[in-house]
Amino acid sequence: MEDFQVVYNGQNYDINKFLRDHPGGVNTLKKYKGKSIVQAMDSFGHSTSAYHMLNDFKINGDLKDVNVTGKVSVNGRIITKEESNKSSEEIALLEELEARLDWSKPLLGQLHLIASHYELWVNSAVYRTCRLFGNPILESMTFTPWYLVPMFWVPIILYLGITQFIEHVACGDSCTNDSISLLQFGGHLTFGMILWTALEYCLHRWVFHLDPGSSLKLITLHFVIHGLHHKMPFDGLRQVFPPIPALVLASIIYVPFWLTLDYPRIKLAGGLIGYLAYDMIHYYVHHGSPRDGTYLYTMKRYHSNHHFVNHDKAFGISSQIWDYVFKTYVHIKKLGFSLYWS
């Protein structure tokens, strides 16, 4: 595979494997092949994670000279503009946190080493994969190829939709008082899909981004369900929700709706359609190449902002509507050119 080297402060980095994942597109990087990216990193306002992640592509040697702030730490770590007003103790902490962990070993057993500064550490992204469990069976259960999600959920959605349609719409002479029209059936499906968008927002904001504090148990739980995705946002095998845990969660969530709503199974089918769309959109906005002017292009840039700039905003993944409602919407800067990722 051809390399794609860039230069930062006299150090070479091969970012070839990162080209398709770069939030700013492939086209913005092409002209920098073999050249310095100091000015580009400064001009386009890269986050701390961008500088932090750059170290994963280092080829050889140590950082030299100066960077955009005119400073490099004593350990060779880039000091970004965002960090330039911090004390030397704070800078030392940021670089030392990563060094506490041995990435060749399961991370779950090491989280206590960074527990006191977990939020700072987990939001400093890296371009790596990790091992969570020492047990190979448990570890294998943490990987989910994207295509397993539709393979699992589409048959369930079809079963629910078809059986409910036959029972309540196409029931013929066997229809009872709870029969409905085709239009009403579509309305219940749509209601379930809309209900999912609200649930998606609530789960992402108030469960996935719950502050675990200093509790090691909560930190471990948070890292497993969402933290690892922020730490390793480009790990393609850990970006969709594993079907079995998702089924358990869906069953639990379904109970109150079953007790309070009419035609709950039709609404469940709609909710599962919404969930499936969400999971597929989430995977695509990380790895896909949407065209400028499309909805997915907008959502890809929006979700990148959540990962690398505003961790506490832009919670919508399949829709931005609830970010507007709860005032967590983030305005994404319009560009004078299109981005592409292929």
Protein backbone atom coordinates (compact mmCIF):
# COMPACT_ATOMS: atom_id res chain seq x y z
CA MET A 1 0.00 0.00 0.00
CA GLU A 2 1.37 3.39 -1.02
CA ASP A 3 2.22 5.60 1.91
CA PHE A 4 1.03 9.17 2.38
CA GLN A 5 3.61 11.03 4.39
CA VAL A 6 3.22 14.51 5.81
CA VAL A 7 5.61 16.54 7.93
CA TYR A 8 4.96 18.19 11.25
CA ASN A 9 7.78 19.90 13.12
CA GLY A 10 10.49 17.96 11.35
CA GLN A 11 8.77 14.61 12.05
CA ASN A 12 7.28 12.39 9.34
CA TYR A 13 3.84 10.84 9.70
CA ASP A 14 2.24 8.30 7.37
CA ILE A 15 -1.49 9.07 7.40
CA ASN A 16 -2.46 6.82 4.47
CA LYS A 17 -4.81 4.62 6.50
CA PHE A 18 -6.48 7.72 7.96
CA LEU A 19 -7.33 9.37 4.62
CA ARG A 20 -10.87 7.97 4.30
CA ASP A 21 -11.60 8.61 7.99
CA HIS A 22 -10.40 12.21 8.04
CA PRO A 23 -13.44 14.30 9.09
CA GLY A 24 -12.33 17.04 6.69
CA GLY A 25 -12.33 14.75 3.67
CA VAL A 26 -9.66 13.25 1.45
CA ASN A 27 -9.50 16.19 -0.93
CA THR A 28 -8.33 18.61 1.75
CA LEU A 29 -5.31 16.41 2.46
CA LYS A 30 -4.10 15.50 -1.03
CA LYS A 31 -2.12 18.67 -1.63
CA TYR A 32 -0.13 18.13 1.56
CA LYS A 33 1.45 14.82 0.55
CA GLY A 34 5.15 15.06 1.36
CA LYS A 35 4.70 18.57 2.75
CA SER A 36 4.38 20.31 6.09
CA ILE A 37 0.92 20.43 7.68
CA VAL A 38 1.80 22.97 10.40
CA GLN A 39 -0.08 25.82 8.78
CA ALA A 40 -3.07 23.64 7.84
CA MET A 41 -3.42 22.29 11.38
CA ASP A 42 -3.43 25.85 12.67
CA SER A 43 -5.65 27.42 10.00
CA PHE A 44 -8.46 24.85 10.18
CA GLY A 45 -8.72 24.86 13.98
CA HIS A 46 -7.96 21.22 14.70
CA SER A 47 -8.98 19.87 18.08
CA THR A 48 -6.72 18.50 20.79
CA SER A 49 -7.72 15.00 19.64
CA ALA A 50 -6.32 15.71 16.17
CA TYR A 51 -2.88 16.49 17.57
CA HIS A 52 -3.13 13.62 20.01
CA MET A 53 -4.12 11.19 17.25
CA LEU A 54 -1.29 12.35 14.99
CA ASN A 55 1.16 10.51 17.22
CA ASP A 56 -0.42 7.20 16.13
CA PHE A 57 0.96 7.79 12.62
CA LYS A 58 4.52 8.73 13.57
CA ILE A 59 7.14 6.95 11.48
CA ASN A 60 10.46 7.49 13.24
CA GLY A 61 12.36 10.05 15.22
CA ASP A 62 11.41 12.68 17.75
CA LEU A 63 9.57 15.94 17.40
CA LYS A 64 11.85 18.86 16.79
CA ASP A 65 11.79 22.59 16.19
CA VAL A 66 8.53 24.39 16.97
CA ASN A 67 4.85 23.96 16.31
CA VAL A 68 1.89 26.29 15.99
CA THR A 69 2.21 27.48 19.58
CA GLY A 70 5.98 27.57 19.46
CA LYS A 71 6.12 24.88 22.15
CA VAL A 72 6.79 21.19 22.43
CA SER A 73 6.65 19.45 25.80
CA VAL A 74 9.73 17.92 27.38
CA ASN A 75 8.45 14.50 26.36
CA GLY A 76 8.03 15.49 22.73
CA ARG A 77 4.30 15.98 22.85
CA ILE A 78 2.72 18.71 20.71
CA ILE A 79 1.24 21.55 22.75
CA THR A 80 -1.82 22.82 20.89
CA LYS A 81 -3.15 26.35 20.94
CA GLU A 82 -6.03 25.10 23.05
CA GLU A 83 -3.53 23.93 25.64
CA SER A 84 -1.04 26.76 25.38
CA ASN A 85 -2.54 28.68 28.29
CA LYS A 86 -2.39 25.69 30.63
CA SER A 87 0.25 25.25 33.27
CA SER A 88 3.18 22.90 32.75
CA GLU A 89 1.59 20.55 35.30
CA GLU A 90 -1.60 20.29 33.24
CA ILE A 91 0.35 19.67 30.05
CA ALA A 92 2.35 16.94 31.76
CA LEU A 93 -0.89 15.31 32.95
CA LEU A 94 -2.41 15.20 29.46
CA GLU A 95 0.58 13.35 28.04
CA GLU A 96 1.15 11.16 31.05
CA LEU A 97 -2.39 9.73 31.15
CA GLU A 98 -1.89 7.82 27.92
CA ALA A 99 1.40 6.39 29.11
CA ARG A 100 -0.28 4.78 32.13
CA LEU A 101 -1.96 2.12 29.99
CA ASP A 102 -0.45 -0.86 28.21
CA TRP A 103 -2.42 -1.08 24.96
CA SER A 104 -1.17 -4.59 24.29
CA LYS A 105 -3.23 -5.81 27.26
CA PRO A 106 -6.99 -5.68 28.04
CA LEU A 107 -8.00 -2.12 28.87
CA LEU A 108 -10.89 -2.84 31.20
CA GLY A 109 -8.50 -4.08 33.84
CA GLN A 110 -6.47 -0.88 33.61
CA LEU A 111 -9.12 1.82 33.78
CA HIS A 112 -8.40 2.39 37.46
CA LEU A 113 -5.10 3.91 36.36
CA ILE A 114 -6.83 6.85 34.66
CA ALA A 115 -10.07 6.89 36.70
CA SER A 116 -9.34 10.21 38.37
CA HIS A 117 -9.10 11.88 34.95
CA TYR A 118 -11.33 9.56 32.94
CA GLU A 119 -13.35 12.22 31.09
CA LEU A 120 -10.20 13.99 29.90
CA TRP A 121 -8.63 10.72 28.76
CA VAL A 122 -11.68 9.21 27.03
CA ASN A 123 -12.28 12.34 24.94
CA SER A 124 -8.68 12.37 23.65
CA ALA A 125 -9.21 10.16 20.60
CA VAL A 126 -6.67 7.71 19.20
CA TYR A 127 -6.49 5.91 15.86
CA ARG A 128 -6.16 2.40 17.28
CA THR A 129 -8.07 -0.69 18.23
CA CYS A 130 -7.97 -2.22 21.68
CA ARG A 131 -8.64 -5.38 23.59
CA LEU A 132 -11.26 -5.18 26.33
CA PHE A 133 -11.22 -8.68 27.87
CA GLY A 134 -8.53 -11.26 28.41
CA ASN A 135 -11.04 -14.06 27.79
CA PRO A 136 -11.17 -14.65 24.00
CA ILE A 137 -14.86 -15.63 24.05
CA LEU A 138 -15.88 -12.45 25.86
CA GLU A 139 -13.63 -10.43 23.59
CA SER A 140 -15.19 -11.89 20.45
CA MET A 141 -18.62 -10.81 21.68
CA THR A 142 -17.52 -7.15 21.64
CA PHE A 143 -17.04 -7.15 17.85
CA THR A 144 -20.04 -6.53 15.61
CA PRO A 145 -19.69 -6.23 11.81
CA TRP A 146 -22.25 -3.71 10.59
CA TYR A 147 -24.11 -6.19 8.37
CA LEU A 148 -25.09 -8.36 11.34
CA VAL A 149 -27.43 -5.63 12.53
CA PRO A 150 -29.81 -5.66 9.52
CA MET A 151 -29.46 -9.46 9.27
CA PHE A 152 -30.78 -9.71 12.84
CA TRP A 153 -33.39 -6.95 12.93
CA VAL A 154 -34.95 -6.98 9.44
CA PRO A 155 -36.63 -10.41 9.96
CA ILE A 156 -37.98 -9.27 13.33
CA ILE A 157 -39.32 -6.03 11.84
CA LEU A 158 -40.92 -7.91 8.93
CA TYR A 159 -42.49 -10.45 11.31
CA LEU A 160 -43.97 -7.74 13.51
CA GLY A 161 -45.14 -5.64 10.58
CA ILE A 162 -46.70 -8.48 8.61
CA THR A 163 -48.42 -10.19 11.55
CA GLN A 164 -49.80 -6.90 12.88
CA PHE A 165 -50.97 -5.90 9.41
CA ILE A 166 -52.80 -9.20 8.98
CA GLU A 167 -54.31 -8.98 12.47
CA HIS A 168 -55.49 -5.37 12.34
CA VAL A 169 -55.80 -4.35 8.67
CA ALA A 170 -56.09 -7.35 6.33
CA CYS A 171 -58.19 -9.36 8.77
CA GLY A 172 -61.28 -9.68 6.54
CA ASP A 173 -64.27 -11.32 8.20
CA SER A 174 -62.25 -12.03 11.33
CA CYS A 175 -61.73 -8.33 12.10
CA THR A 176 -62.61 -7.22 15.63
CA ASN A 177 -63.18 -3.84 17.20
CA ASP A 178 -59.46 -3.13 17.17
CA SER A 179 -59.17 -3.28 13.37
CA ILE A 180 -57.71 -0.18 11.69
CA SER A 181 -57.28 1.26 8.22
CA LEU A 182 -54.08 1.15 6.18
CA LEU A 183 -53.61 4.86 6.84
CA GLN A 184 -53.94 4.35 10.58
CA PHE A 185 -51.48 1.46 10.42
CA GLY A 186 -48.96 3.76 8.71
CA GLY A 187 -49.62 6.39 11.37
CA HIS A 188 -48.75 4.01 14.20
CA LEU A 189 -45.57 2.94 12.37
CA THR A 190 -44.60 6.59 11.88
CA PHE A 191 -45.32 7.37 15.52
CA GLY A 192 -42.97 4.56 16.55
CA MET A 193 -40.24 5.91 14.28
CA ILE A 194 -40.60 9.43 15.71
CA LEU A 195 -40.63 7.98 19.22
CA TRP A 196 -37.31 6.32 18.44
CA THR A 197 -35.68 9.64 17.46
CA ALA A 198 -36.56 11.03 20.90
CA LEU A 199 -35.31 7.88 22.59
CA GLU A 200 -32.10 7.99 20.55
CA TYR A 201 -31.41 11.52 21.77
CA CYS A 202 -32.22 10.73 25.40
CA LEU A 203 -30.07 7.60 25.47
CA HIS A 204 -27.14 9.33 23.80
CA ARG A 205 -27.26 12.44 25.96
CA TRP A 206 -28.31 11.19 29.38
CA VAL A 207 -27.13 7.56 29.39
CA PHE A 208 -24.17 7.29 26.99
CA HIS A 209 -22.80 10.63 28.16
CA LEU A 210 -23.59 10.19 31.84
CA ASP A 211 -20.74 11.50 33.96
CA PRO A 212 -19.44 8.43 35.83
CA GLY A 213 -17.57 10.56 38.35
CA SER A 214 -14.85 8.68 40.21
CA SER A 215 -16.74 5.38 40.51
CA LEU A 216 -14.67 2.67 38.84
CA LYS A 217 -17.77 0.54 38.23
CA LEU A 218 -19.55 3.40 36.45
CA ILE A 219 -16.39 4.28 34.53
CA THR A 220 -16.08 0.69 33.34
CA LEU A 221 -19.76 0.57 32.37
CA HIS A 222 -19.51 3.89 30.55
CA PHE A 223 -16.39 2.82 28.68
CA VAL A 224 -18.02 -0.41 27.51
CA ILE A 225 -21.28 1.14 26.29
CA HIS A 226 -19.95 4.36 24.77
CA GLY A 227 -16.61 5.60 26.07
CA LEU A 228 -14.55 3.26 23.89
CA HIS A 229 -16.32 4.70 20.84
CA HIS A 230 -15.13 8.20 21.72
CA LYS A 231 -11.65 6.96 22.53
CA MET A 232 -11.41 4.91 19.30
CA PRO A 233 -13.96 6.53 16.96
CA PHE A 234 -12.67 4.74 13.85
CA ASP A 235 -12.85 1.15 15.11
CA GLY A 236 -15.34 -0.22 12.57
CA LEU A 237 -16.14 -3.37 14.56
CA ARG A 238 -17.37 -1.43 17.59
CA GLN A 239 -19.65 1.18 16.05
CA VAL A 240 -22.97 -0.63 15.87
CA PHE A 241 -24.80 -2.04 18.85
CA PRO A 242 -24.45 -5.84 19.28
CA PRO A 243 -27.85 -7.43 18.47
CA ILE A 244 -28.31 -9.54 21.63
CA PRO A 245 -27.73 -6.71 24.15
CA ALA A 246 -29.86 -4.50 21.90
CA LEU A 247 -32.67 -7.08 22.01
CA VAL A 248 -32.53 -7.16 25.82
CA LEU A 249 -32.60 -3.36 25.98
CA ALA A 250 -35.46 -3.16 23.47
CA SER A 251 -37.49 -5.67 25.49
CA ILE A 252 -37.04 -3.62 28.65
CA ILE A 253 -37.91 -0.34 26.94
CA TYR A 254 -40.97 -1.92 25.28
CA VAL A 255 -42.70 -2.79 28.56
CA PRO A 256 -43.87 0.72 29.57
CA PHE A 257 -45.03 1.44 26.02
CA TRP A 258 -46.94 -1.86 25.95
CA LEU A 259 -48.68 -0.84 29.18
CA THR A 260 -49.57 2.70 28.11
CA LEU A 261 -49.98 2.86 24.31
CA ASP A 262 -52.52 1.32 21.95
CA TYR A 263 -51.27 -0.98 19.17
CA PRO A 264 -47.87 -1.23 20.87
CA ARG A 265 -46.50 -3.92 18.53
CA ILE A 266 -47.11 -1.77 15.47
CA LYS A 267 -45.37 1.13 17.20
CA LEU A 268 -42.56 -1.26 18.20
CA ALA A 269 -42.09 -2.21 14.54
CA GLY A 270 -41.84 1.50 13.70
CA GLY A 271 -39.41 2.08 16.55
CA LEU A 272 -37.21 -0.78 15.37
CA ILE A 273 -37.21 0.66 11.85
CA GLY A 274 -36.00 3.93 13.38
CA TYR A 275 -33.38 2.12 15.42
CA LEU A 276 -32.09 0.18 12.42
CA ALA A 277 -31.85 3.40 10.40
CA TYR A 278 -29.97 5.04 13.27
CA ASP A 279 -27.39 2.26 13.59
CA MET A 280 -26.78 2.14 9.85
CA ILE A 281 -26.51 5.94 9.64
CA HIS A 282 -24.08 5.95 12.55
CA TYR A 283 -21.81 3.46 10.83
CA TYR A 284 -22.07 5.27 7.51
CA VAL A 285 -21.26 8.73 8.84
CA HIS A 286 -18.03 7.28 10.21
CA HIS A 287 -16.97 5.27 7.17
CA GLY A 288 -19.12 6.31 4.22
CA SER A 289 -18.54 8.87 1.48
CA PRO A 290 -21.75 10.91 1.20
CA ARG A 291 -22.04 13.58 -1.48
CA ASP A 292 -22.29 17.27 -0.68
CA GLY A 293 -25.90 18.43 -0.56
CA THR A 294 -27.23 15.15 0.81
CA TYR A 295 -28.68 14.55 4.26
CA LEU A 296 -25.96 12.05 5.14
CA TYR A 297 -23.25 14.58 4.20
CA THR A 298 -24.76 17.01 6.69
CA MET A 299 -25.01 14.36 9.39
CA LYS A 300 -21.42 13.17 8.81
CA ARG A 301 -20.06 16.65 9.42
CA TYR A 302 -22.46 17.13 12.34
CA HIS A 303 -21.43 13.90 14.05
CA SER A 304 -17.72 14.65 13.50
CA ASN A 305 -18.26 17.87 15.41
CA HIS A 306 -19.70 15.88 18.32
CA HIS A 307 -16.66 13.61 18.42
CA PHE A 308 -13.89 16.14 18.04
CA VAL A 309 -15.19 19.55 19.13
CA ASN A 310 -18.42 19.54 21.16
CA HIS A 311 -18.66 16.34 23.21
CA ASP A 312 -21.53 17.83 25.20
CA LYS A 313 -23.63 18.88 22.19
CA ALA A 314 -24.79 17.58 18.79
CA PHE A 315 -26.26 14.37 20.23
CA GLY A 316 -28.51 13.64 17.26
CA ILE A 317 -27.18 11.03 14.84
CA SER A 318 -30.12 10.15 12.61
CA SER A 319 -31.81 13.51 13.18
CA GLN A 320 -30.98 16.96 14.53
CA ILE A 321 -34.53 17.79 15.62
CA TRP A 322 -34.11 17.06 19.32
CA ASP A 323 -30.89 19.06 19.46
CA TYR A 324 -33.01 22.02 18.37
CA VAL A 325 -35.65 21.21 20.99
CA PHE A 326 -33.16 20.85 23.87
CA LYS A 327 -30.84 23.63 22.65
CA THR A 328 -27.82 21.40 22.04
CA TYR A 329 -27.71 22.10 18.31
CA VAL A 330 -24.33 23.03 16.85
CA HIS A 331 -24.00 25.19 13.78
CA ILE A 332 -21.52 23.64 11.36
CA LYS A 333 -19.44 26.13 9.40
CA LYS A 334 -20.29 26.30 5.71
CA LEU A 335 -17.38 25.65 3.39
CA GLY A 336 -16.67 27.12 0.00
CA PHE A 337 -15.93 23.67 -1.36
CA SER A 338 -17.21 20.11 -1.06
CA LEU A 339 -15.59 17.39 1.04
CA TYR A 340 -15.29 13.83 -0.15
CA TRP A 341 -13.92 10.67 1.46
CA SER A 342 -13.05 8.38 -1.45
